Amino acid sequence: MKVLFLVLFSCFASAVFAQVDTLIYAHGNITSAATKEPVVARISYQSLPYGSKVGFFSGSSFSFPLFDNEKYSITVEASGYAPSKYILDPAEANDERKVLRNIELNLPSGASNNAESSHTVGKVMRLNNLNFDAGRSVISSSSFSELDEVVLMLKKNPRMVIQLEGHTDTRGNANANLALSEERVKAVKSYLASKGGSKSRIKTKAFGGSMPISREDTEASHALNRRVELRILDN
């Protein structure tokens, strides 16, 4: 009986620990250094040292995973404030696997032009604020501001060619997941084109659930796997 109990406990413990998400996340709030009130800013980040993983979104807070235990740089820009740039180090994560960095923005010390970040071929940007209705390809209105940023990027870089890559989580029918991911990237392409993005410079590719970021059976991991990424093919 004792041996049976130990075997059952071992199986149970293995199942529990398999559910644990091992990714480290960066979290923070963005406020005014003068008033301490939240500031809606444009947030961009990239992995170091090569910038192979990048992303951008807007808001007064941020939360994103630090893949492969790499350091990340984060740049925060808001109208009327001086831009701020920080390094996020996974080694600084707390017991909850979070790197906490609240950012206070100061008024600009003087007029200056900030060079636009280079968008090199091969970079992959995760569209963090892109959301769809469950099981459908209907884009949520909360996604429009981030997609408008993509349109602006295309307009500022007239030679740029991008590829939208759709991914689902690993649950459910593989063929249905592939079809859903294809419908979603086509919906994103249609939106970008409707806002002035050139169709000829927007490619699409669907992967379904064949390329998960995490294989852990947790809701956090499934949500992480459901994504659309933007790959720069030419610029």
Protein backbone atom coordinates (compact mmCIF):
# COMPACT_ATOMS: atom_id res chain seq x y z
CA MET A 1 0.00 0.00 0.00
CA LYS A 2 2.84 2.38 0.85
CA VAL A 3 4.51 1.70 -2.50
CA LEU A 4 1.22 2.34 -4.32
CA PHE A 5 0.78 5.63 -2.46
CA LEU A 6 4.26 6.77 -3.42
CA VAL A 7 3.66 5.89 -7.06
CA LEU A 8 0.36 7.79 -7.11
CA PHE A 9 1.90 10.78 -5.34
CA SER A 10 4.79 10.82 -7.80
CA CYS A 11 2.38 10.81 -10.77
CA PHE A 12 0.30 13.56 -9.21
CA ALA A 13 3.35 15.70 -8.44
CA SER A 14 4.66 15.26 -11.98
CA ALA A 15 1.33 16.37 -13.40
CA VAL A 16 1.22 19.41 -11.15
CA PHE A 17 4.74 20.53 -11.94
CA ALA A 18 4.15 20.00 -15.67
CA GLN A 19 1.45 22.66 -15.40
CA VAL A 20 3.85 25.29 -14.05
CA ASP A 21 4.70 28.07 -16.48
CA THR A 22 8.48 28.61 -16.50
CA LEU A 23 8.56 31.77 -18.64
CA ILE A 24 9.70 35.05 -17.11
CA TYR A 25 7.54 38.13 -17.74
CA ALA A 26 8.27 41.85 -17.67
CA HIS A 27 5.63 43.99 -15.94
CA GLY A 28 5.40 47.70 -15.30
CA ASN A 29 3.35 50.88 -15.18
CA ILE A 30 4.09 54.15 -16.97
CA THR A 31 3.45 57.39 -15.11
CA SER A 32 4.38 61.07 -15.20
CA ALA A 33 7.35 61.86 -12.98
CA ALA A 34 5.75 65.21 -12.13
CA THR A 35 2.14 64.21 -11.41
CA LYS A 36 2.47 60.44 -10.79
CA GLU A 37 -0.57 59.92 -13.01
CA PRO A 38 -0.69 57.18 -15.69
CA VAL A 39 0.61 58.14 -19.13
CA VAL A 40 -0.47 56.40 -22.32
CA ALA A 41 2.72 55.80 -24.27
CA ARG A 42 4.08 53.90 -27.25
CA ILE A 43 6.09 50.98 -25.94
CA SER A 44 8.57 49.05 -28.05
CA TYR A 45 10.95 46.28 -27.01
CA GLN A 46 13.56 43.99 -28.53
CA SER A 47 15.71 41.12 -27.37
CA LEU A 48 19.44 41.63 -26.93
CA PRO A 49 21.97 41.58 -28.43
CA TYR A 50 20.59 41.02 -31.94
CA GLY A 51 16.97 42.21 -31.75
CA SER A 52 15.60 39.00 -33.23
CA LYS A 53 12.43 39.31 -31.13
CA VAL A 54 10.64 42.65 -31.14
CA GLY A 55 7.20 44.05 -30.38
CA PHE A 56 5.29 47.26 -29.82
CA PHE A 57 1.98 48.40 -28.37
CA SER A 58 0.33 51.39 -26.71
CA GLY A 59 -0.88 51.81 -23.14
CA SER A 60 -0.06 53.00 -19.65
CA SER A 61 1.31 49.60 -18.61
CA PHE A 62 3.13 46.68 -20.18
CA SER A 63 3.44 42.94 -19.80
CA PHE A 64 5.32 40.61 -22.13
CA PRO A 65 7.43 37.43 -21.87
CA LEU A 66 11.23 37.45 -21.93
CA PHE A 67 11.93 34.47 -24.17
CA ASP A 68 15.05 32.27 -24.01
CA ASN A 69 16.27 33.97 -20.82
CA GLU A 70 17.55 36.90 -22.91
CA LYS A 71 17.88 40.52 -21.82
CA TYR A 72 15.51 42.98 -23.51
CA SER A 73 15.64 46.70 -24.15
CA ILE A 74 12.40 48.65 -23.77
CA THR A 75 11.75 52.14 -25.14
CA VAL A 76 8.84 54.27 -23.95
CA GLU A 77 7.71 57.34 -25.89
CA ALA A 78 4.80 59.69 -25.21
CA SER A 79 3.81 63.05 -26.62
CA GLY A 80 5.16 65.88 -24.45
CA TYR A 81 7.69 63.68 -22.65
CA ALA A 82 11.32 62.75 -23.17
CA PRO A 83 11.72 59.14 -24.40
CA SER A 84 13.02 56.62 -21.90
CA LYS A 85 14.98 53.43 -22.53
CA TYR A 86 15.75 50.63 -20.09
CA ILE A 87 17.29 47.15 -20.02
CA LEU A 88 15.20 44.31 -18.59
CA ASP A 89 17.22 41.41 -17.18
CA PRO A 90 15.56 38.02 -16.45
CA ALA A 91 18.12 37.55 -13.67
CA GLU A 92 16.23 40.24 -11.73
CA ALA A 93 12.97 38.27 -11.69
CA ASN A 94 11.21 37.84 -8.35
CA ASP A 95 9.81 34.60 -6.91
CA GLU A 96 6.77 34.94 -9.20
CA ARG A 97 9.05 35.01 -12.28
CA LYS A 98 8.32 38.70 -12.90
CA VAL A 99 10.76 41.48 -13.72
CA LEU A 100 9.04 44.57 -12.31
CA ARG A 101 9.98 47.94 -13.77
CA ASN A 102 7.76 50.97 -13.30
CA ILE A 103 8.75 53.82 -15.60
CA GLU A 104 8.37 57.52 -14.87
CA LEU A 105 8.49 59.88 -17.83
CA ASN A 106 10.07 63.32 -17.54
CA LEU A 107 9.45 66.44 -19.57
CA PRO A 108 11.89 66.85 -22.48
CA SER A 109 15.03 68.83 -21.65
CA GLY A 110 15.04 70.37 -25.11
CA ALA A 111 13.93 69.86 -28.65
CA SER A 112 15.61 66.88 -30.26
CA ASN A 113 14.90 64.51 -33.10
CA ASN A 114 14.96 60.85 -32.24
CA ALA A 115 16.11 58.53 -34.98
CA GLU A 116 13.58 55.87 -35.84
CA SER A 117 14.58 52.34 -34.85
CA SER A 118 15.92 50.36 -37.77
CA HIS A 119 13.60 47.64 -39.03
CA THR A 120 16.06 45.04 -40.24
CA VAL A 121 15.12 42.07 -42.40
CA GLY A 122 14.32 38.99 -40.33
CA LYS A 123 12.93 40.76 -37.28
CA VAL A 124 9.76 39.23 -35.87
CA MET A 125 7.26 41.44 -34.05
CA ARG A 126 4.54 39.94 -31.90
CA LEU A 127 1.29 41.92 -32.11
CA ASN A 128 0.55 41.87 -28.39
CA ASN A 129 -2.74 43.78 -28.45
CA LEU A 130 -4.27 41.95 -31.41
CA ASN A 131 -7.43 40.18 -30.25
CA PHE A 132 -10.15 38.21 -32.02
CA ASP A 133 -13.59 36.95 -31.07
CA ALA A 134 -13.23 33.44 -29.62
CA GLY A 135 -12.90 30.84 -32.38
CA ARG A 136 -13.46 33.44 -35.13
CA SER A 137 -11.49 35.80 -37.35
CA VAL A 138 -13.36 38.96 -36.31
CA ILE A 139 -10.83 41.53 -35.07
CA SER A 140 -11.68 43.22 -31.77
CA SER A 141 -11.88 47.01 -31.90
CA SER A 142 -9.31 47.12 -29.07
CA SER A 143 -6.75 45.93 -31.65
CA PHE A 144 -7.16 48.83 -34.07
CA SER A 145 -4.62 51.20 -32.47
CA GLU A 146 -1.84 48.60 -32.70
CA LEU A 147 -2.72 47.73 -36.31
CA ASP A 148 -2.73 51.44 -37.16
CA GLU A 149 0.87 51.51 -35.90
CA VAL A 150 1.71 48.79 -38.43
CA VAL A 151 0.14 50.86 -41.22
CA LEU A 152 2.20 53.87 -40.13
CA MET A 153 5.35 51.73 -40.16
CA LEU A 154 4.61 50.58 -43.72
CA LYS A 155 4.01 54.14 -44.87
CA LYS A 156 7.25 55.36 -43.30
CA ASN A 157 9.18 52.50 -44.92
CA PRO A 158 7.91 52.33 -48.53
CA ARG A 159 10.23 49.44 -49.45
CA MET A 160 9.22 47.27 -46.51
CA VAL A 161 7.59 43.90 -47.17
CA ILE A 162 6.04 42.09 -44.21
CA GLN A 163 4.60 38.65 -43.58
CA LEU A 164 1.75 38.11 -41.13
CA GLU A 165 2.09 34.73 -39.45
CA GLY A 166 -0.91 33.22 -37.69
CA HIS A 167 -0.73 30.73 -34.81
CA THR A 168 -3.32 29.02 -32.62
CA ASP A 169 -2.83 26.97 -29.47
CA THR A 170 -2.34 23.20 -29.75
CA ARG A 171 -5.79 22.14 -28.59
CA GLY A 172 -8.56 20.97 -30.92
CA ASN A 173 -8.50 19.74 -34.50
CA ALA A 174 -5.25 20.50 -36.34
CA ASN A 175 -6.95 21.21 -39.69
CA ALA A 176 -9.49 23.52 -38.06
CA ASN A 177 -6.70 25.37 -36.23
CA LEU A 178 -4.79 25.82 -39.48
CA ALA A 179 -7.88 27.19 -41.23
CA LEU A 180 -8.61 29.58 -38.33
CA SER A 181 -5.06 30.94 -38.28
CA GLU A 182 -5.26 31.51 -42.05
CA GLU A 183 -8.57 33.35 -41.77
CA ARG A 184 -7.17 35.57 -39.02
CA VAL A 185 -4.04 36.70 -40.88
CA LYS A 186 -6.17 37.40 -43.96
CA ALA A 187 -8.48 39.53 -41.78
CA VAL A 188 -5.47 41.48 -40.49
CA LYS A 189 -4.19 41.99 -44.04
CA SER A 190 -7.61 43.29 -45.11
CA TYR A 191 -7.65 45.76 -42.22
CA LEU A 192 -4.14 47.04 -43.01
CA ALA A 193 -5.05 47.42 -46.68
CA SER A 194 -8.23 49.32 -45.78
CA LYS A 195 -6.08 51.85 -43.88
CA GLY A 196 -3.66 52.43 -46.73
CA GLY A 197 -1.22 49.55 -46.42
CA SER A 198 -0.14 48.17 -49.80
CA LYS A 199 -1.52 44.65 -50.36
CA SER A 200 1.47 43.73 -52.49
CA ARG A 201 3.77 44.35 -49.52
CA ILE A 202 1.74 42.28 -47.04
CA LYS A 203 2.17 38.50 -47.23
CA THR A 204 0.40 35.95 -45.04
CA LYS A 205 1.27 32.51 -43.72
CA ALA A 206 -0.68 30.21 -41.40
CA PHE A 207 0.78 27.67 -38.99
CA GLY A 208 -2.18 26.59 -36.87
CA GLY A 209 -0.86 25.02 -33.67
CA SER A 210 2.28 23.53 -35.23
CA MET A 211 4.72 26.09 -33.77
CA PRO A 212 3.82 26.69 -30.10
CA ILE A 213 5.97 28.95 -27.96
CA SER A 214 5.20 26.85 -24.91
CA ARG A 215 4.04 23.23 -24.71
CA GLU A 216 2.87 23.48 -21.11
CA ASP A 217 -0.78 22.66 -20.53
CA THR A 218 -1.74 25.89 -18.76
CA GLU A 219 -4.13 28.66 -19.77
CA ALA A 220 -1.26 31.16 -19.74
CA SER A 221 0.70 29.02 -22.18
CA HIS A 222 -2.31 28.48 -24.46
CA ALA A 223 -2.93 32.23 -24.54
CA LEU A 224 0.74 32.82 -25.37
CA ASN A 225 0.55 30.38 -28.28
CA ARG A 226 -2.49 32.13 -29.80
CA ARG A 227 -0.81 34.96 -31.67
CA VAL A 228 -0.16 36.80 -34.91
CA GLU A 229 3.44 37.74 -35.57
CA LEU A 230 4.83 40.18 -38.12
CA ARG A 231 8.03 39.17 -39.92
CA ILE A 232 10.01 41.73 -41.97
CA LEU A 233 10.89 40.12 -45.31
CA ASP A 234 12.42 43.11 -47.06
CA ASN A 235 13.18 46.75 -46.34
